[in-house]
N, C-alpha and C. Protein backbone atom coordinates (compact mmCIF):
# COMPACT_ATOMS: atom_id res chain seq x y z
N MET A 1 2.95 35.40 -6.86
CA MET A 1 1.93 33.79 -8.23
C MET A 1 0.18 34.65 -7.67
N ALA A 2 -0.22 34.53 -6.38
CA ALA A 2 -2.05 34.71 -6.43
C ALA A 2 -2.11 35.28 -5.71
N ASP A 3 -0.91 36.82 -5.50
CA ASP A 3 -1.30 37.87 -6.15
C ASP A 3 -1.30 38.31 -6.88
N LYS A 4 -0.75 38.44 -7.78
CA LYS A 4 -1.35 38.79 -8.98
C LYS A 4 -1.82 38.25 -10.56
N TYR A 5 -2.48 39.51 -10.70
CA TYR A 5 -3.24 38.82 -11.23
C TYR A 5 -3.33 38.77 -13.03
N ILE A 6 -3.83 38.07 -14.09
CA ILE A 6 -3.42 38.17 -15.04
C ILE A 6 -5.51 37.90 -15.31
N SER A 7 -5.20 38.17 -17.11
CA SER A 7 -6.79 38.71 -17.18
C SER A 7 -7.18 37.25 -17.82
N LYS A 8 -8.81 36.89 -17.83
CA LYS A 8 -9.33 35.57 -18.09
C LYS A 8 -8.18 35.40 -19.52
N GLU A 9 -9.16 36.35 -20.53
CA GLU A 9 -7.62 35.92 -21.51
C GLU A 9 -6.70 35.66 -21.50
N LYS A 10 -5.66 36.07 -21.38
CA LYS A 10 -4.68 35.61 -20.65
C LYS A 10 -4.51 34.57 -20.32
N ALA A 11 -5.30 33.87 -19.53
CA ALA A 11 -4.86 33.37 -18.72
C ALA A 11 -5.68 31.56 -19.38
N LEU A 12 -6.89 32.10 -20.32
CA LEU A 12 -7.08 31.40 -21.64
C LEU A 12 -5.76 30.82 -22.25
N ASP A 13 -5.34 31.48 -23.10
CA ASP A 13 -3.74 31.62 -23.90
C ASP A 13 -2.81 30.94 -23.53
N LYS A 14 -2.48 31.66 -21.99
CA LYS A 14 -1.33 30.21 -21.54
C LYS A 14 -1.78 29.10 -21.05
N LEU A 15 -2.69 28.11 -20.97
CA LEU A 15 -3.55 27.28 -20.79
C LEU A 15 -3.49 26.64 -22.12
N GLN A 16 -3.90 27.60 -22.94
CA GLN A 16 -4.60 26.40 -24.75
C GLN A 16 -3.09 26.03 -24.80
N ARG A 17 -1.58 26.92 -24.61
CA ARG A 17 -0.43 26.58 -24.80
C ARG A 17 0.54 25.03 -23.92
N TYR A 18 -0.59 25.76 -22.69
CA TYR A 18 0.09 24.50 -21.67
C TYR A 18 -0.94 23.18 -22.27
N CYS A 19 -1.71 23.03 -22.44
CA CYS A 19 -1.63 21.25 -22.92
C CYS A 19 -1.88 21.30 -24.14
N VAL A 20 -1.24 21.90 -25.64
CA VAL A 20 -1.26 21.95 -26.59
C VAL A 20 0.39 21.03 -26.44
N TYR A 21 1.60 21.29 -25.31
CA TYR A 21 2.41 20.83 -25.60
C TYR A 21 2.24 19.39 -25.02
N GLN A 22 1.40 18.95 -23.84
CA GLN A 22 1.35 17.58 -23.75
C GLN A 22 0.32 17.24 -22.89
N ASP A 23 -0.63 16.20 -23.09
CA ASP A 23 -1.67 16.11 -22.96
C ASP A 23 -1.91 16.14 -21.10
N ARG A 24 -2.93 16.46 -20.91
CA ARG A 24 -3.13 17.22 -19.40
C ARG A 24 -4.03 17.07 -19.45
N CYS A 25 -4.80 16.34 -17.71
CA CYS A 25 -5.71 15.99 -17.20
C CYS A 25 -6.36 17.40 -16.19
N HIS A 26 -7.71 17.44 -15.66
CA HIS A 26 -8.02 18.63 -15.03
C HIS A 26 -7.55 18.81 -14.47
N GLN A 27 -7.23 18.53 -13.01
CA GLN A 27 -6.90 18.76 -12.43
C GLN A 27 -5.14 19.38 -12.69
N GLU A 28 -4.71 18.56 -12.76
CA GLU A 28 -3.46 19.61 -14.02
C GLU A 28 -3.54 20.61 -14.50
N VAL A 29 -4.77 21.01 -15.05
CA VAL A 29 -5.35 22.97 -15.29
C VAL A 29 -5.81 23.63 -14.21
N ARG A 30 -6.18 22.85 -13.41
CA ARG A 30 -7.32 23.88 -12.32
C ARG A 30 -5.81 24.15 -11.69
N SER A 31 -4.92 23.31 -11.31
CA SER A 31 -4.00 23.48 -10.22
C SER A 31 -2.88 24.66 -11.36
N LYS A 32 -2.74 24.72 -12.12
CA LYS A 32 -2.50 25.96 -13.25
C LYS A 32 -2.77 27.18 -13.17
N LEU A 33 -4.15 26.76 -12.90
CA LEU A 33 -5.21 27.74 -13.31
C LEU A 33 -5.13 28.88 -11.94
N TYR A 34 -4.55 27.94 -10.48
CA TYR A 34 -5.45 28.57 -9.28
C TYR A 34 -3.32 28.76 -9.27
N ASP A 35 -2.10 28.82 -9.66
CA ASP A 35 -1.11 29.32 -9.03
C ASP A 35 -0.99 30.33 -9.84
N LEU A 36 -1.50 30.73 -11.35
CA LEU A 36 -2.25 31.66 -12.31
C LEU A 36 -2.61 32.91 -11.23
N GLY A 37 -3.52 32.46 -10.23
CA GLY A 37 -4.22 33.71 -9.69
C GLY A 37 -5.87 33.97 -10.37
N ILE A 38 -6.25 32.57 -10.77
CA ILE A 38 -7.69 32.14 -10.94
C ILE A 38 -8.42 31.52 -10.55
N ARG A 39 -9.75 32.06 -9.54
CA ARG A 39 -10.50 31.92 -9.29
C ARG A 39 -12.25 31.64 -9.61
N GLY A 40 -12.84 30.34 -9.46
CA GLY A 40 -14.21 31.44 -9.06
C GLY A 40 -14.98 30.69 -10.55
N TYR A 41 -15.92 31.60 -11.08
CA TYR A 41 -16.24 31.25 -12.19
C TYR A 41 -15.25 31.36 -13.42
N ASP A 42 -14.24 32.42 -13.13
CA ASP A 42 -13.58 32.66 -13.72
C ASP A 42 -12.99 31.44 -14.08
N LEU A 43 -12.28 31.13 -14.05
CA LEU A 43 -12.13 29.13 -13.35
C LEU A 43 -12.50 28.57 -14.74
N GLU A 44 -14.33 28.32 -14.17
CA GLU A 44 -14.79 26.99 -14.69
C GLU A 44 -15.03 27.39 -16.60
N ASP A 45 -14.90 28.62 -16.21
CA ASP A 45 -15.22 29.81 -17.46
C ASP A 45 -13.84 28.87 -18.78
N ILE A 46 -12.83 29.14 -18.39
CA ILE A 46 -11.68 28.88 -18.45
C ILE A 46 -11.89 27.06 -18.85
N MET A 47 -11.99 25.96 -17.95
CA MET A 47 -12.36 24.80 -17.71
C MET A 47 -13.65 24.40 -18.95
N ALA A 48 -14.20 25.05 -19.25
CA ALA A 48 -15.26 24.54 -19.84
C ALA A 48 -14.72 24.69 -21.33
N SER A 49 -14.42 26.22 -21.73
CA SER A 49 -13.66 27.05 -23.02
C SER A 49 -12.58 25.70 -23.52
N LEU A 50 -11.70 25.86 -21.89
CA LEU A 50 -10.73 24.39 -22.80
C LEU A 50 -11.63 22.74 -22.95
N ILE A 51 -11.80 22.77 -22.43
CA ILE A 51 -13.25 21.44 -22.93
C ILE A 51 -13.74 21.87 -24.30
N GLU A 52 -14.46 22.22 -24.06
CA GLU A 52 -15.42 22.23 -25.75
C GLU A 52 -14.16 22.25 -26.91
N ASP A 53 -13.06 23.32 -27.10
CA ASP A 53 -11.72 23.04 -28.29
C ASP A 53 -11.70 22.04 -28.61
N LYS A 54 -11.47 21.11 -26.65
CA LYS A 54 -11.15 19.65 -27.37
C LYS A 54 -8.66 19.97 -27.03
N PHE A 55 -8.71 20.77 -26.30
CA PHE A 55 -7.56 21.40 -25.98
C PHE A 55 -6.72 19.90 -24.40
N LEU A 56 -8.55 20.09 -23.63
CA LEU A 56 -8.78 19.19 -22.60
C LEU A 56 -9.08 18.00 -22.85
N ASP A 57 -8.92 16.38 -22.69
CA ASP A 57 -9.61 15.15 -23.49
C ASP A 57 -9.79 14.34 -21.73
N GLU A 58 -9.75 13.92 -21.45
CA GLU A 58 -10.02 12.82 -19.97
C GLU A 58 -9.30 11.59 -20.45
N GLU A 59 -10.39 11.74 -21.60
CA GLU A 59 -9.88 9.34 -21.98
C GLU A 59 -9.04 10.01 -23.19
N ARG A 60 -8.68 11.04 -24.19
CA ARG A 60 -6.99 10.92 -24.72
C ARG A 60 -6.04 11.14 -23.66
N TYR A 61 -6.47 11.46 -22.76
CA TYR A 61 -5.10 12.51 -21.65
C TYR A 61 -4.80 10.47 -20.75
N ALA A 62 -5.98 9.84 -20.41
CA ALA A 62 -5.43 8.21 -19.92
C ALA A 62 -5.19 8.08 -21.02
N ARG A 63 -5.62 7.76 -21.74
CA ARG A 63 -4.74 6.66 -22.86
C ARG A 63 -3.24 6.96 -23.42
N SER A 64 -2.80 8.26 -24.08
CA SER A 64 -1.57 8.54 -23.79
C SER A 64 -0.58 8.11 -22.93
N TYR A 65 -1.22 8.26 -21.90
CA TYR A 65 -0.70 8.52 -20.35
C TYR A 65 -0.03 6.97 -20.24
N VAL A 66 -1.35 6.06 -20.94
CA VAL A 66 -1.19 4.89 -20.55
C VAL A 66 0.23 3.92 -20.60
N ARG A 67 -0.21 4.21 -22.50
CA ARG A 67 0.65 4.34 -23.69
C ARG A 67 2.13 4.73 -23.08
N GLY A 68 2.32 5.38 -22.77
CA GLY A 68 3.76 6.39 -22.61
C GLY A 68 4.30 5.48 -21.20
N LYS A 69 3.81 5.42 -20.43
CA LYS A 69 4.15 4.60 -19.08
C LYS A 69 4.63 3.00 -19.36
N PHE A 70 4.23 2.50 -19.87
CA PHE A 70 3.33 0.58 -20.24
C PHE A 70 5.20 1.08 -21.31
N ARG A 71 4.20 1.97 -22.22
CA ARG A 71 6.47 1.04 -23.37
C ARG A 71 7.22 2.27 -23.30
N ILE A 72 7.83 3.60 -22.28
CA ILE A 72 8.86 4.09 -22.71
C ILE A 72 9.31 3.64 -20.87
N LYS A 73 8.33 3.37 -19.90
CA LYS A 73 9.22 3.12 -18.40
C LYS A 73 8.98 1.98 -18.00
N LYS A 74 8.16 1.28 -19.33
CA LYS A 74 7.56 0.25 -18.89
C LYS A 74 6.78 -0.59 -17.64
N TRP A 75 6.41 0.44 -17.14
CA TRP A 75 5.60 -0.18 -15.69
C TRP A 75 4.36 -0.89 -15.84
N GLY A 76 4.26 -1.20 -14.57
CA GLY A 76 3.08 -2.13 -14.93
C GLY A 76 1.73 -1.46 -14.34
N ARG A 77 0.11 -2.38 -15.41
CA ARG A 77 -0.55 -1.91 -14.29
C ARG A 77 -0.58 -1.00 -13.24
N ASN A 78 -0.52 -1.82 -11.88
CA ASN A 78 -0.91 -1.14 -11.04
C ASN A 78 -0.15 0.04 -10.41
N LYS A 79 0.90 0.30 -10.97
CA LYS A 79 1.41 0.89 -10.91
C LYS A 79 0.73 2.21 -11.73
N ILE A 80 0.42 2.20 -12.70
CA ILE A 80 0.26 3.34 -13.90
C ILE A 80 -1.36 3.58 -13.36
N LYS A 81 -2.11 2.50 -12.01
CA LYS A 81 -3.27 3.15 -12.08
C LYS A 81 -2.82 3.88 -10.42
N SER A 82 -2.52 3.24 -10.01
CA SER A 82 -2.01 4.22 -8.68
C SER A 82 -1.95 5.40 -9.67
N GLU A 83 -1.26 5.97 -10.39
CA GLU A 83 -0.86 6.49 -10.25
C GLU A 83 -2.08 7.93 -11.22
N LEU A 84 -3.06 7.40 -11.90
CA LEU A 84 -4.29 7.62 -12.61
C LEU A 84 -5.04 8.31 -11.26
N TYR A 85 -5.39 6.79 -10.71
CA TYR A 85 -6.35 6.82 -9.82
C TYR A 85 -5.74 8.78 -8.68
N SER A 86 -4.54 9.08 -8.89
CA SER A 86 -4.21 10.22 -8.15
C SER A 86 -4.14 11.14 -9.25
N LYS A 87 -4.98 11.73 -10.25
CA LYS A 87 -5.44 12.24 -10.77
C LYS A 87 -6.47 12.08 -11.00
N LYS A 88 -7.53 11.84 -10.51
CA LYS A 88 -9.00 11.37 -9.72
C LYS A 88 -9.83 11.51 -11.05
N LEU A 89 -8.60 10.71 -12.66
CA LEU A 89 -9.83 10.18 -13.41
C LEU A 89 -10.70 9.48 -13.16
N SER A 90 -11.67 9.36 -13.89
CA SER A 90 -13.21 8.61 -13.80
C SER A 90 -13.20 7.25 -14.02
N ALA A 91 -13.38 6.24 -13.43
CA ALA A 91 -13.00 4.57 -13.93
C ALA A 91 -13.00 4.26 -15.05
N TYR A 92 -14.30 5.74 -16.23
CA TYR A 92 -14.95 5.32 -17.72
C TYR A 92 -13.38 5.69 -17.74
N CYS A 93 -12.82 6.88 -17.96
CA CYS A 93 -11.13 7.47 -18.13
C CYS A 93 -10.14 5.75 -17.80
N LEU A 94 -9.89 5.61 -17.32
CA LEU A 94 -9.31 4.17 -16.72
C LEU A 94 -9.45 2.92 -17.56
N LYS A 95 -10.03 2.41 -18.00
CA LYS A 95 -11.22 1.07 -18.34
C LYS A 95 -10.23 1.61 -20.17
N LYS A 96 -11.14 3.03 -20.79
CA LYS A 96 -10.19 3.07 -21.84
C LYS A 96 -8.89 3.50 -21.93
N GLY A 97 -8.27 3.95 -20.61
CA GLY A 97 -6.73 3.88 -20.90
C GLY A 97 -6.01 2.66 -20.98
N PHE A 98 -6.29 1.63 -20.16
CA PHE A 98 -5.82 0.42 -20.13
C PHE A 98 -6.40 -0.35 -21.70
N GLU A 99 -7.46 0.18 -21.90
CA GLU A 99 -7.07 -1.16 -23.48
C GLU A 99 -6.08 -0.16 -24.74
N GLU A 100 -5.24 0.28 -23.84
CA GLU A 100 -3.89 0.30 -24.45
C GLU A 100 -2.53 -0.42 -24.51
N ILE A 101 -2.78 -1.26 -23.61
CA ILE A 101 -2.62 -1.90 -23.50
C ILE A 101 -2.71 -3.43 -24.08
N ASP A 102 -1.75 -4.07 -24.80
CA ASP A 102 -1.79 -5.56 -25.89
C ASP A 102 -1.68 -6.45 -24.71
N GLU A 103 -2.25 -7.16 -24.01
CA GLU A 103 -1.66 -8.93 -23.28
C GLU A 103 -0.19 -9.40 -23.86
N GLU A 104 -0.33 -9.20 -25.02
CA GLU A 104 0.85 -10.41 -25.02
C GLU A 104 1.67 -9.55 -25.38
N GLU A 105 1.96 -8.37 -24.82
CA GLU A 105 2.84 -7.38 -24.78
C GLU A 105 3.23 -6.53 -23.64
N TYR A 106 2.03 -7.22 -22.93
CA TYR A 106 2.18 -6.81 -21.55
C TYR A 106 2.95 -7.95 -21.04
N TRP A 107 3.18 -8.89 -21.32
CA TRP A 107 3.64 -10.38 -20.65
C TRP A 107 4.96 -10.29 -21.33
N ASP A 108 5.55 -9.59 -22.46
CA ASP A 108 6.49 -10.27 -22.98
C ASP A 108 7.50 -8.52 -22.73
N THR A 109 6.08 -7.64 -22.36
CA THR A 109 7.32 -6.12 -21.21
C THR A 109 7.91 -7.83 -19.88
N LEU A 110 7.09 -8.08 -19.75
CA LEU A 110 7.28 -8.43 -18.15
C LEU A 110 9.11 -9.08 -17.99
N LYS A 111 8.58 -9.87 -18.92
CA LYS A 111 9.43 -10.84 -19.58
C LYS A 111 10.99 -9.95 -19.88
N GLU A 112 11.13 -9.24 -20.23
CA GLU A 112 12.16 -8.25 -20.70
C GLU A 112 12.95 -7.45 -19.61
N VAL A 113 11.90 -7.13 -19.09
CA VAL A 113 11.93 -6.86 -17.65
C VAL A 113 12.66 -7.23 -16.72
N LEU A 114 11.76 -8.68 -16.57
CA LEU A 114 12.74 -9.67 -15.41
C LEU A 114 14.33 -10.13 -16.49
N THR A 115 14.44 -10.21 -17.19
CA THR A 115 15.49 -10.94 -17.98
C THR A 115 16.95 -10.18 -17.17
N LYS A 116 16.08 -8.54 -17.86
CA LYS A 116 17.57 -7.35 -17.96
C LYS A 116 17.73 -7.04 -16.54
N LYS A 117 16.85 -7.54 -15.62
CA LYS A 117 17.07 -7.01 -13.98
C LYS A 117 17.89 -9.01 -13.68
N ASN A 118 17.73 -9.41 -13.98
CA ASN A 118 18.74 -10.92 -13.42
C ASN A 118 19.61 -10.52 -13.88
N GLY A 119 20.10 -10.36 -15.76
CA GLY A 119 21.76 -9.93 -15.94
C GLY A 119 22.32 -9.29 -15.13
N ILE A 120 21.84 -8.03 -13.99
CA ILE A 120 22.76 -7.25 -13.45
C ILE A 120 22.66 -7.44 -12.15
N LEU A 121 21.76 -8.49 -11.22
CA LEU A 121 21.40 -8.73 -10.24
C LEU A 121 23.10 -10.18 -10.20
N ARG A 122 23.55 -9.85 -8.66
CA ARG A 122 24.58 -10.28 -8.77
C ARG A 122 25.05 -11.67 -7.42
N GLU A 123 23.51 -11.42 -7.17
CA GLU A 123 23.06 -12.73 -5.37
C GLU A 123 23.27 -14.23 -6.44
N VAL A 124 24.01 -15.28 -6.18
CA VAL A 124 23.79 -16.15 -6.33
C VAL A 124 23.44 -17.47 -5.84
N ASN A 125 22.34 -17.09 -3.76
CA ASN A 125 21.23 -17.53 -4.30
C ASN A 125 20.17 -17.52 -4.71
N ILE A 126 19.91 -18.52 -5.03
CA ILE A 126 18.90 -19.14 -6.48
C ILE A 126 17.57 -18.44 -5.34
N TYR A 127 17.29 -18.39 -3.89
CA TYR A 127 15.89 -18.09 -3.46
C TYR A 127 15.73 -16.75 -3.08
N LYS A 128 17.20 -16.49 -3.48
CA LYS A 128 17.59 -14.51 -2.86
C LYS A 128 16.79 -14.03 -4.32
N ARG A 129 17.79 -14.58 -5.52
CA ARG A 129 17.47 -14.38 -6.59
C ARG A 129 16.51 -13.69 -7.07
N LYS A 130 15.44 -15.13 -6.76
CA LYS A 130 14.05 -14.47 -7.34
C LYS A 130 13.06 -13.56 -6.52
N GLN A 131 13.23 -13.64 -5.23
CA GLN A 131 12.86 -12.34 -3.97
C GLN A 131 13.15 -11.11 -4.79
N LYS A 132 13.97 -10.72 -5.10
CA LYS A 132 15.00 -9.68 -5.15
C LYS A 132 14.54 -9.41 -6.46
N LEU A 133 14.44 -9.83 -7.73
CA LEU A 133 12.98 -9.72 -8.67
C LEU A 133 12.24 -9.98 -8.69
N ALA A 134 11.39 -10.79 -8.64
CA ALA A 134 9.99 -10.16 -7.22
C ALA A 134 9.87 -9.16 -6.91
N LEU A 135 10.66 -8.59 -6.13
CA LEU A 135 10.41 -7.33 -5.61
C LEU A 135 10.35 -6.21 -6.49
N TYR A 136 11.54 -6.35 -7.66
CA TYR A 136 12.31 -5.35 -8.55
C TYR A 136 10.74 -5.44 -9.35
N ALA A 137 10.00 -6.24 -9.93
CA ALA A 137 8.61 -6.33 -10.68
C ALA A 137 8.13 -5.19 -10.17
N ILE A 138 7.73 -6.18 -9.17
CA ILE A 138 5.74 -5.96 -8.05
C ILE A 138 6.43 -4.30 -7.68
N GLY A 139 7.78 -4.30 -7.45
CA GLY A 139 7.26 -2.28 -7.24
C GLY A 139 7.76 -1.57 -8.94
N ARG A 140 7.32 -2.27 -9.91
CA ARG A 140 7.71 -1.63 -11.02
C ARG A 140 5.55 -1.55 -11.34
N GLY A 141 5.44 -2.54 -10.62
CA GLY A 141 3.72 -2.70 -10.94
C GLY A 141 3.36 -3.57 -11.56
N PHE A 142 4.13 -4.58 -11.84
CA PHE A 142 3.09 -5.81 -12.73
C PHE A 142 3.00 -7.11 -11.19
N GLU A 143 1.59 -7.49 -11.81
CA GLU A 143 0.90 -8.17 -10.72
C GLU A 143 1.71 -9.76 -10.43
N SER A 144 1.98 -9.45 -8.59
CA SER A 144 2.58 -10.44 -8.57
C SER A 144 2.39 -11.83 -8.75
N TYR A 145 0.72 -12.28 -9.22
CA TYR A 145 0.92 -13.77 -9.73
C TYR A 145 1.43 -14.10 -10.60
N LEU A 146 1.63 -12.82 -12.05
CA LEU A 146 2.38 -13.06 -13.24
C LEU A 146 3.79 -12.56 -12.90
N VAL A 147 4.17 -11.84 -12.72
CA VAL A 147 5.40 -12.25 -11.74
C VAL A 147 5.68 -13.55 -11.53
N TRP A 148 4.99 -13.74 -10.85
CA TRP A 148 6.26 -15.56 -9.82
C TRP A 148 5.76 -15.87 -11.26
N GLU A 149 4.69 -16.00 -12.26
CA GLU A 149 4.87 -16.93 -13.03
C GLU A 149 5.48 -16.95 -13.85
N VAL A 150 6.38 -15.38 -14.32
CA VAL A 150 7.69 -15.59 -14.93
C VAL A 150 8.40 -15.84 -14.67
N ILE A 151 9.17 -15.74 -12.96
CA ILE A 151 10.17 -15.95 -12.70
C ILE A 151 10.37 -17.49 -12.97
N ASN A 152 9.30 -18.26 -12.48
CA ASN A 152 9.05 -19.95 -12.29
C ASN A 152 9.67 -20.61 -13.99
N GLU A 153 9.36 -19.75 -14.97
CA GLU A 153 9.59 -19.89 -15.73
C GLU A 153 10.64 -19.80 -16.14
N MET A 154 11.58 -18.19 -16.47
CA MET A 154 12.56 -18.56 -16.55
C MET A 154 13.72 -19.50 -15.90
N VAL A 155 13.16 -20.02 -14.57
CA VAL A 155 14.80 -20.93 -13.58
C VAL A 155 14.10 -22.23 -14.00
N THR A 156 13.78 -22.38 -14.59
CA THR A 156 12.98 -23.93 -15.49
C THR A 156 13.68 -24.31 -16.31
N LYS A 157 14.19 -22.99 -17.15
CA LYS A 157 14.96 -23.15 -19.01
C LYS A 157 15.98 -23.23 -18.59
């Protein structure tokens, strides 16, 4: 990998296609460039070119990442935030990304996740059932205070 050198132009073309396929963060693109054997000034030139030509945009990446993980995978804010931190995004990009989550939709999604899990749990002891539901939803990244509020609302019905 690092031992074979590809030209800067070829690397730029490759990375443009890589970024068009799916939104990428700077860290992912840097890693890809390292894998291609690109280092130093060439790496920085390619990064600058990708940003300038709008192939790379961390705010756009944060927004699409949050939208996708929330709506498709049904992750909570905590899990999404943790994953975005690991990708070294700025606080500004995180804030902009989380604007994609509507509060009412978040609440409805949490209820949907817990209702679905409640339907497949075989636990008969109500306290153990509640505990299993809570651990499941918290593990998916939902805030514990919201999880318990929904669980207590579900049980009183």
